[in-house]
Amino acid sequence: MNATQTSWMVDETGKMAVKKIFKLEDLSNNLDELSQAIPCLTGQTMISKNQTPKYPHFTRFANNDRTNRIMQEVYAADYANFGYA
């Protein structure tokens, strides 16, 4: 639960081991580029309707100062590496 997304993408020295990061929120705009990197995705289209349950936006939880401080501390590497500062 406490693992950062960054921890899955770095090597044993802490150096970023991936060349390109695709953010889920931008995936529909980047599908062509992703398809070039992963050929089995060629010709695929995004589902136009999100079929997952509607969850509260993460900022709802960040309105609490203590929760926001914990999130910023635990996921500091992700905020920095993925531009969510």
Protein backbone atom coordinates (compact mmCIF):
# COMPACT_ATOMS: atom_id res chain seq x y z
CA MET A 1 0.00 0.00 0.00
CA ASN A 2 2.81 2.41 0.77
CA ALA A 3 4.84 1.59 -2.37
CA THR A 4 5.22 4.51 -4.71
CA GLN A 5 4.75 4.22 -8.44
CA THR A 6 8.34 5.42 -8.72
CA SER A 7 9.54 2.34 -6.80
CA TRP A 8 8.31 0.13 -9.67
CA MET A 9 10.23 2.13 -12.29
CA VAL A 10 13.72 2.50 -10.86
CA ASP A 11 16.67 0.14 -10.85
CA GLU A 12 18.60 -1.01 -7.79
CA THR A 13 20.59 2.25 -7.76
CA GLY A 14 17.46 4.42 -7.81
CA LYS A 15 17.93 5.47 -11.43
CA MET A 16 14.78 5.67 -13.57
CA ALA A 17 14.71 2.47 -15.65
CA VAL A 18 11.89 3.39 -18.03
CA LYS A 19 12.22 5.63 -21.06
CA LYS A 20 8.69 6.99 -21.27
CA ILE A 21 5.88 7.32 -18.75
CA PHE A 22 2.27 7.41 -19.91
CA LYS A 23 -0.15 8.92 -17.42
CA LEU A 24 -3.53 7.26 -17.20
CA GLU A 25 -5.32 10.60 -17.37
CA ASP A 26 -3.63 11.30 -20.75
CA LEU A 27 -3.80 7.79 -22.19
CA SER A 28 -6.50 8.46 -24.76
CA ASN A 29 -4.37 11.28 -26.20
CA ASN A 30 -1.23 9.14 -26.30
CA LEU A 31 -2.56 5.80 -27.53
CA ASP A 32 -0.91 6.12 -30.96
CA GLU A 33 2.49 6.73 -29.37
CA LEU A 34 1.96 3.87 -26.93
CA SER A 35 0.93 1.57 -29.81
CA GLN A 36 4.24 2.23 -31.52
CA ALA A 37 6.07 1.01 -28.41
CA ILE A 38 3.72 -1.96 -27.84
CA PRO A 39 2.72 -3.36 -31.25
CA CYS A 40 -0.17 -5.51 -29.97
CA LEU A 41 -2.03 -2.27 -29.19
CA THR A 42 -1.98 -1.16 -32.83
CA GLY A 43 -5.49 -0.55 -34.12
CA GLN A 44 -7.03 -0.55 -30.64
CA THR A 45 -9.35 2.20 -29.51
CA MET A 46 -10.14 3.52 -26.08
CA ILE A 47 -13.52 2.75 -24.57
CA SER A 48 -15.36 6.04 -24.68
CA LYS A 49 -17.30 5.45 -21.47
CA ASN A 50 -15.51 4.84 -18.20
CA GLN A 51 -17.04 1.64 -16.87
CA THR A 52 -15.39 1.72 -13.45
CA PRO A 53 -17.33 2.91 -10.42
CA LYS A 54 -17.16 6.63 -9.75
CA TYR A 55 -14.68 7.24 -6.93
CA PRO A 56 -14.25 10.56 -5.16
CA HIS A 57 -11.53 12.72 -6.68
CA PHE A 58 -8.28 12.41 -4.73
CA THR A 59 -8.34 16.14 -3.88
CA ARG A 60 -11.37 15.51 -1.68
CA PHE A 61 -9.06 13.67 0.69
CA ALA A 62 -6.32 16.28 0.37
CA ASN A 63 -8.56 18.98 1.86
CA ASN A 64 -7.66 17.65 5.28
CA ASP A 65 -4.29 19.17 6.26
CA ARG A 66 -3.09 16.06 8.07
CA THR A 67 -4.06 13.72 5.24
CA ASN A 68 -2.51 16.03 2.66
CA ARG A 69 0.73 16.17 4.66
CA ILE A 70 0.84 12.35 4.88
CA MET A 71 0.18 11.97 1.13
CA GLN A 72 2.87 14.52 0.29
CA GLU A 73 5.35 12.75 2.55
CA VAL A 74 4.64 9.13 1.58
CA TYR A 75 4.35 9.81 -2.15
CA ALA A 76 6.91 12.63 -2.43
CA ALA A 77 8.87 10.77 -5.12
CA ASP A 78 5.75 10.34 -7.26
CA TYR A 79 4.72 13.98 -6.87
CA ALA A 80 8.21 15.04 -7.97
CA ASN A 81 8.77 12.48 -10.75
CA PHE A 82 5.36 12.77 -12.39
CA GLY A 83 4.72 16.49 -12.05
CA TYR A 84 1.95 16.42 -9.47
CA ALA A 85 3.55 19.00 -7.18
